[in-house]
């Protein structure tokens, strides 16, 4: 598994934060806010794999890009960035030594909390 920072997703997340499309929830809220498999499938069917990829800070380029296995560290609900999703991703990426992803999510969290 060769997960790396998904730069288009980072730019998408930054733009959403700049536009105020943020849910300022708490750390433990992500388990409820994280999209279900059914919601993910509906989004993919409607919007496609490229748009789906823009909601995940990690990408494994060794995986087929038209599978969910290629994407990790989701940070929103396909409408808004969730502070809880950013925190969860920052923690998980740090635990797994994905420092670029961790640092990008930390920066995103700082931007959310600055508003």
N, C-alpha and C. Protein backbone atom coordinates (compact mmCIF):
# COMPACT_ATOMS: atom_id res chain seq x y z
N UNK A 1 0.85 -1.18 0.00
CA UNK A 1 0.00 0.00 0.00
C UNK A 1 0.89 1.24 0.00
N UNK A 2 0.72 2.07 -0.99
CA UNK A 2 1.54 3.27 -1.14
C UNK A 2 0.65 4.51 -1.12
N UNK A 3 0.14 4.83 0.04
CA UNK A 3 -0.78 5.96 0.16
C UNK A 3 0.01 7.26 0.19
N UNK A 4 -0.46 8.22 -0.61
CA UNK A 4 0.19 9.53 -0.64
C UNK A 4 -0.88 10.62 -0.60
N UNK A 5 -0.42 11.83 -0.39
CA UNK A 5 -1.32 12.97 -0.32
C UNK A 5 -2.02 13.17 -1.66
N UNK A 6 -3.33 13.29 -1.61
CA UNK A 6 -4.15 13.55 -2.79
C UNK A 6 -4.29 15.07 -2.92
N UNK A 7 -3.41 15.67 -3.68
CA UNK A 7 -3.36 17.14 -3.79
C UNK A 7 -4.64 17.77 -4.31
N UNK A 8 -5.33 17.19 -5.31
CA UNK A 8 -6.60 17.79 -5.72
C UNK A 8 -7.63 17.80 -4.57
N UNK A 9 -7.61 16.79 -3.72
CA UNK A 9 -8.52 16.77 -2.57
C UNK A 9 -8.16 17.86 -1.58
N UNK A 10 -6.86 18.08 -1.38
CA UNK A 10 -6.43 19.15 -0.47
C UNK A 10 -6.90 20.51 -0.99
N UNK A 11 -6.74 20.76 -2.28
CA UNK A 11 -7.20 22.04 -2.84
C UNK A 11 -8.72 22.18 -2.73
N UNK A 12 -9.43 21.08 -2.96
CA UNK A 12 -10.89 21.08 -2.83
C UNK A 12 -11.29 21.42 -1.39
N UNK A 13 -10.64 20.79 -0.43
CA UNK A 13 -10.95 21.02 0.98
C UNK A 13 -10.65 22.46 1.37
N UNK A 14 -9.52 22.99 0.92
CA UNK A 14 -9.17 24.38 1.23
C UNK A 14 -10.20 25.34 0.66
N UNK A 15 -10.65 25.08 -0.56
CA UNK A 15 -11.66 25.94 -1.18
C UNK A 15 -12.97 25.89 -0.40
N UNK A 16 -13.36 24.71 0.04
CA UNK A 16 -14.59 24.59 0.84
C UNK A 16 -14.46 25.37 2.15
N UNK A 17 -13.32 25.26 2.79
CA UNK A 17 -13.10 25.99 4.05
C UNK A 17 -13.16 27.50 3.78
N UNK A 18 -12.49 27.96 2.73
CA UNK A 18 -12.53 29.39 2.38
C UNK A 18 -13.96 29.87 2.14
N UNK A 19 -14.78 29.00 1.54
CA UNK A 19 -16.17 29.36 1.23
C UNK A 19 -17.11 29.20 2.42
N UNK A 20 -16.59 28.70 3.53
CA UNK A 20 -17.41 28.52 4.72
C UNK A 20 -18.23 27.23 4.71
N UNK A 21 -17.91 26.31 3.83
CA UNK A 21 -18.63 25.03 3.77
C UNK A 21 -18.02 24.04 4.74
N UNK A 22 -18.23 24.33 6.02
CA UNK A 22 -17.61 23.57 7.10
C UNK A 22 -18.64 23.28 8.18
N UNK A 23 -18.59 22.07 8.70
CA UNK A 23 -19.35 21.72 9.90
C UNK A 23 -18.35 21.71 11.04
N UNK A 24 -18.53 22.59 11.98
CA UNK A 24 -17.59 22.71 13.10
C UNK A 24 -18.04 21.81 14.26
N UNK A 25 -17.96 20.54 14.00
CA UNK A 25 -18.39 19.56 14.99
C UNK A 25 -17.20 19.13 15.85
N UNK A 26 -17.46 18.23 16.76
CA UNK A 26 -16.44 17.78 17.71
C UNK A 26 -15.83 16.45 17.26
N UNK A 27 -14.69 16.13 17.81
CA UNK A 27 -13.90 14.96 17.43
C UNK A 27 -14.74 13.69 17.30
N UNK A 28 -15.56 13.40 18.27
CA UNK A 28 -16.30 12.13 18.30
C UNK A 28 -17.51 12.11 17.37
N UNK A 29 -17.82 13.22 16.72
CA UNK A 29 -18.99 13.27 15.84
C UNK A 29 -18.77 12.60 14.49
N UNK A 30 -17.53 12.30 14.14
CA UNK A 30 -17.25 11.73 12.82
C UNK A 30 -17.89 10.38 12.61
N UNK A 31 -18.03 9.59 13.66
CA UNK A 31 -18.64 8.27 13.48
C UNK A 31 -20.08 8.39 12.97
N UNK A 32 -20.75 9.46 13.31
CA UNK A 32 -22.12 9.69 12.82
C UNK A 32 -22.14 10.44 11.49
N UNK A 33 -21.16 11.31 11.26
CA UNK A 33 -21.15 12.16 10.07
C UNK A 33 -20.52 11.48 8.85
N UNK A 34 -19.65 10.53 9.09
CA UNK A 34 -18.94 9.84 8.01
C UNK A 34 -19.97 9.18 7.09
N UNK A 35 -19.88 9.42 5.78
CA UNK A 35 -20.87 8.82 4.87
C UNK A 35 -20.89 7.29 4.94
N UNK A 36 -22.08 6.75 4.83
CA UNK A 36 -22.25 5.30 4.81
C UNK A 36 -21.84 4.76 3.44
N UNK A 37 -21.68 3.45 3.35
CA UNK A 37 -21.36 2.83 2.06
C UNK A 37 -22.45 3.14 1.03
N UNK A 38 -23.70 3.15 1.45
CA UNK A 38 -24.79 3.45 0.54
C UNK A 38 -24.70 4.89 0.03
N UNK A 39 -24.38 5.83 0.93
CA UNK A 39 -24.22 7.23 0.53
C UNK A 39 -23.03 7.40 -0.42
N UNK A 40 -21.95 6.68 -0.14
CA UNK A 40 -20.79 6.72 -1.04
C UNK A 40 -21.16 6.20 -2.42
N UNK A 41 -21.85 5.07 -2.47
CA UNK A 41 -22.24 4.49 -3.75
C UNK A 41 -23.15 5.42 -4.54
N UNK A 42 -24.08 6.05 -3.88
CA UNK A 42 -24.99 6.97 -4.55
C UNK A 42 -24.21 8.18 -5.09
N UNK A 43 -23.27 8.67 -4.31
CA UNK A 43 -22.45 9.80 -4.76
C UNK A 43 -21.63 9.42 -5.98
N UNK A 44 -21.00 8.26 -5.94
CA UNK A 44 -20.18 7.80 -7.07
C UNK A 44 -21.05 7.65 -8.32
N UNK A 45 -22.22 7.07 -8.16
CA UNK A 45 -23.11 6.88 -9.30
C UNK A 45 -23.52 8.21 -9.92
N UNK A 46 -23.78 9.19 -9.07
CA UNK A 46 -24.23 10.49 -9.56
C UNK A 46 -23.09 11.37 -10.06
N UNK A 47 -21.98 11.42 -9.31
CA UNK A 47 -20.91 12.38 -9.59
C UNK A 47 -19.66 11.78 -10.23
N UNK A 48 -19.44 10.48 -10.04
CA UNK A 48 -18.28 9.84 -10.63
C UNK A 48 -17.10 9.71 -9.69
N UNK A 49 -16.12 8.95 -10.14
CA UNK A 49 -14.96 8.63 -9.31
C UNK A 49 -14.05 9.82 -9.05
N UNK A 50 -13.92 10.72 -10.02
CA UNK A 50 -13.04 11.87 -9.80
C UNK A 50 -13.57 12.73 -8.67
N UNK A 51 -14.86 13.00 -8.69
CA UNK A 51 -15.45 13.80 -7.60
C UNK A 51 -15.34 13.07 -6.26
N UNK A 52 -15.55 11.76 -6.29
CA UNK A 52 -15.40 10.97 -5.06
C UNK A 52 -13.98 11.11 -4.51
N UNK A 53 -12.99 11.08 -5.38
CA UNK A 53 -11.60 11.18 -4.95
C UNK A 53 -11.31 12.51 -4.27
N UNK A 54 -12.02 13.55 -4.65
CA UNK A 54 -11.79 14.88 -4.08
C UNK A 54 -12.22 15.00 -2.63
N UNK A 55 -12.84 13.97 -2.09
CA UNK A 55 -13.28 13.96 -0.69
C UNK A 55 -12.41 13.06 0.18
N UNK A 56 -11.24 12.68 -0.33
CA UNK A 56 -10.34 11.78 0.40
C UNK A 56 -8.92 12.31 0.31
N UNK A 57 -8.31 12.54 1.46
CA UNK A 57 -6.99 13.15 1.49
C UNK A 57 -5.88 12.18 1.09
N UNK A 58 -6.14 10.88 1.13
CA UNK A 58 -5.14 9.89 0.75
C UNK A 58 -5.53 9.17 -0.52
N UNK A 59 -4.51 8.86 -1.34
CA UNK A 59 -4.74 8.09 -2.55
C UNK A 59 -3.63 7.06 -2.69
N UNK A 60 -4.03 5.85 -3.03
CA UNK A 60 -3.08 4.77 -3.28
C UNK A 60 -3.06 4.56 -4.79
N UNK A 61 -2.02 5.06 -5.44
CA UNK A 61 -1.96 5.01 -6.90
C UNK A 61 -1.66 3.62 -7.44
N UNK A 62 -1.39 2.66 -6.55
CA UNK A 62 -1.22 1.28 -7.00
C UNK A 62 -2.55 0.56 -7.14
N UNK A 63 -3.60 1.16 -6.61
CA UNK A 63 -4.95 0.58 -6.69
C UNK A 63 -5.69 1.13 -7.90
N UNK A 64 -6.68 0.40 -8.34
CA UNK A 64 -7.57 0.86 -9.41
C UNK A 64 -8.31 2.10 -8.91
N UNK A 65 -8.21 3.19 -9.66
CA UNK A 65 -8.82 4.45 -9.22
C UNK A 65 -10.34 4.45 -9.28
N UNK A 66 -10.90 3.39 -9.79
CA UNK A 66 -12.35 3.26 -9.79
C UNK A 66 -12.79 2.21 -8.78
N UNK A 67 -12.08 2.19 -7.66
CA UNK A 67 -12.46 1.37 -6.50
C UNK A 67 -12.26 2.20 -5.24
N UNK A 68 -13.05 1.91 -4.25
CA UNK A 68 -12.93 2.64 -2.98
C UNK A 68 -11.60 2.37 -2.29
N UNK A 69 -10.97 1.22 -2.59
CA UNK A 69 -9.70 0.88 -1.96
C UNK A 69 -8.61 1.89 -2.28
N UNK A 70 -8.76 2.64 -3.35
CA UNK A 70 -7.74 3.60 -3.74
C UNK A 70 -7.74 4.85 -2.87
N UNK A 71 -8.79 5.06 -2.08
CA UNK A 71 -8.97 6.32 -1.37
C UNK A 71 -9.07 6.12 0.14
N UNK A 72 -8.44 7.05 0.87
CA UNK A 72 -8.47 6.96 2.33
C UNK A 72 -8.48 8.37 2.92
N UNK A 73 -8.75 8.42 4.18
CA UNK A 73 -8.80 9.66 4.96
C UNK A 73 -9.87 10.63 4.44
N UNK A 74 -11.15 10.19 4.47
CA UNK A 74 -12.23 11.09 4.08
C UNK A 74 -12.36 12.22 5.10
N UNK A 75 -12.83 13.37 4.64
CA UNK A 75 -12.90 14.54 5.53
C UNK A 75 -14.24 15.27 5.45
N UNK A 76 -15.20 14.73 4.73
CA UNK A 76 -16.48 15.42 4.61
C UNK A 76 -17.59 14.50 4.22
N UNK A 77 -18.76 15.10 4.04
CA UNK A 77 -19.98 14.34 3.76
C UNK A 77 -20.48 14.53 2.32
N UNK A 78 -19.59 14.95 1.42
CA UNK A 78 -19.88 15.23 0.01
C UNK A 78 -20.62 16.54 -0.18
N UNK A 79 -20.76 17.31 0.89
CA UNK A 79 -21.32 18.66 0.81
C UNK A 79 -20.42 19.65 1.54
N UNK A 80 -19.97 19.24 2.73
CA UNK A 80 -19.16 20.12 3.56
C UNK A 80 -18.01 19.35 4.20
N UNK A 81 -16.96 20.10 4.53
CA UNK A 81 -15.86 19.56 5.31
C UNK A 81 -16.34 19.44 6.75
N UNK A 82 -16.05 18.32 7.38
CA UNK A 82 -16.38 18.15 8.79
C UNK A 82 -15.11 18.25 9.62
N UNK A 83 -15.12 19.13 10.58
CA UNK A 83 -13.98 19.28 11.47
C UNK A 83 -13.63 17.93 12.10
N UNK A 84 -14.63 17.16 12.47
CA UNK A 84 -14.39 15.85 13.08
C UNK A 84 -13.70 14.90 12.12
N UNK A 85 -14.02 14.97 10.83
CA UNK A 85 -13.37 14.13 9.83
C UNK A 85 -11.91 14.52 9.64
N UNK A 86 -11.64 15.81 9.69
CA UNK A 86 -10.27 16.30 9.57
C UNK A 86 -9.45 15.81 10.77
N UNK A 87 -10.02 15.90 11.97
CA UNK A 87 -9.33 15.43 13.17
C UNK A 87 -9.07 13.94 13.10
N UNK A 88 -10.08 13.17 12.69
CA UNK A 88 -9.93 11.72 12.60
C UNK A 88 -8.83 11.36 11.59
N UNK A 89 -8.83 12.02 10.45
CA UNK A 89 -7.82 11.75 9.44
C UNK A 89 -6.43 12.15 9.89
N UNK A 90 -6.34 13.27 10.57
CA UNK A 90 -5.03 13.71 11.08
C UNK A 90 -4.48 12.67 12.06
N UNK A 91 -5.32 12.20 12.95
CA UNK A 91 -4.89 11.21 13.94
C UNK A 91 -4.48 9.90 13.28
N UNK A 92 -5.32 9.37 12.40
CA UNK A 92 -5.03 8.09 11.75
C UNK A 92 -3.81 8.16 10.84
N UNK A 93 -3.68 9.25 10.11
CA UNK A 93 -2.52 9.36 9.22
C UNK A 93 -1.23 9.49 10.02
N UNK A 94 -1.29 10.18 11.15
CA UNK A 94 -0.12 10.28 12.02
C UNK A 94 0.27 8.94 12.61
N UNK A 95 -0.73 8.16 13.01
CA UNK A 95 -0.46 6.84 13.59
C UNK A 95 0.19 5.91 12.57
N UNK A 96 -0.07 6.14 11.29
CA UNK A 96 0.44 5.27 10.24
C UNK A 96 1.61 5.88 9.46
N UNK A 97 2.18 6.95 10.00
CA UNK A 97 3.37 7.59 9.43
C UNK A 97 3.16 8.16 8.02
N UNK A 98 1.97 8.64 7.74
CA UNK A 98 1.72 9.36 6.49
C UNK A 98 1.84 10.85 6.81
N UNK A 99 3.07 11.30 6.96
CA UNK A 99 3.32 12.65 7.48
C UNK A 99 2.81 13.75 6.56
N UNK A 100 2.88 13.57 5.24
CA UNK A 100 2.36 14.60 4.33
C UNK A 100 0.86 14.78 4.52
N UNK A 101 0.16 13.67 4.66
CA UNK A 101 -1.29 13.73 4.86
C UNK A 101 -1.60 14.33 6.22
N UNK A 102 -0.90 13.86 7.25
CA UNK A 102 -1.10 14.41 8.59
C UNK A 102 -0.88 15.91 8.61
N UNK A 103 0.20 16.37 8.01
CA UNK A 103 0.51 17.80 8.02
C UNK A 103 -0.52 18.61 7.24
N UNK A 104 -0.99 18.07 6.11
CA UNK A 104 -2.02 18.76 5.33
C UNK A 104 -3.32 18.88 6.12
N UNK A 105 -3.68 17.81 6.82
CA UNK A 105 -4.91 17.85 7.62
C UNK A 105 -4.75 18.77 8.83
N UNK A 106 -3.58 18.82 9.42
CA UNK A 106 -3.32 19.74 10.54
C UNK A 106 -3.48 21.19 10.06
N UNK A 107 -2.92 21.49 8.89
CA UNK A 107 -3.06 22.83 8.32
C UNK A 107 -4.53 23.14 8.05
N UNK A 108 -5.26 22.17 7.54
CA UNK A 108 -6.69 22.37 7.27
C UNK A 108 -7.45 22.64 8.56
N UNK A 109 -7.13 21.88 9.61
CA UNK A 109 -7.76 22.08 10.91
C UNK A 109 -7.47 23.49 11.44
N UNK A 110 -6.22 23.92 11.29
CA UNK A 110 -5.87 25.27 11.73
C UNK A 110 -6.68 26.32 10.97
N UNK A 111 -6.89 26.10 9.69
CA UNK A 111 -7.70 27.04 8.89
C UNK A 111 -9.16 27.05 9.36
N UNK A 112 -9.67 25.88 9.68
CA UNK A 112 -11.05 25.80 10.17
C UNK A 112 -11.18 26.51 11.51
N UNK A 113 -10.23 26.28 12.40
CA UNK A 113 -10.31 26.84 13.74
C UNK A 113 -9.99 28.33 13.77
N UNK A 114 -9.35 28.85 12.72
CA UNK A 114 -9.02 30.28 12.67
C UNK A 114 -10.23 31.14 12.40
N UNK A 115 -11.24 30.55 11.79
CA UNK A 115 -12.46 31.34 11.46
C UNK A 115 -13.33 31.54 12.66
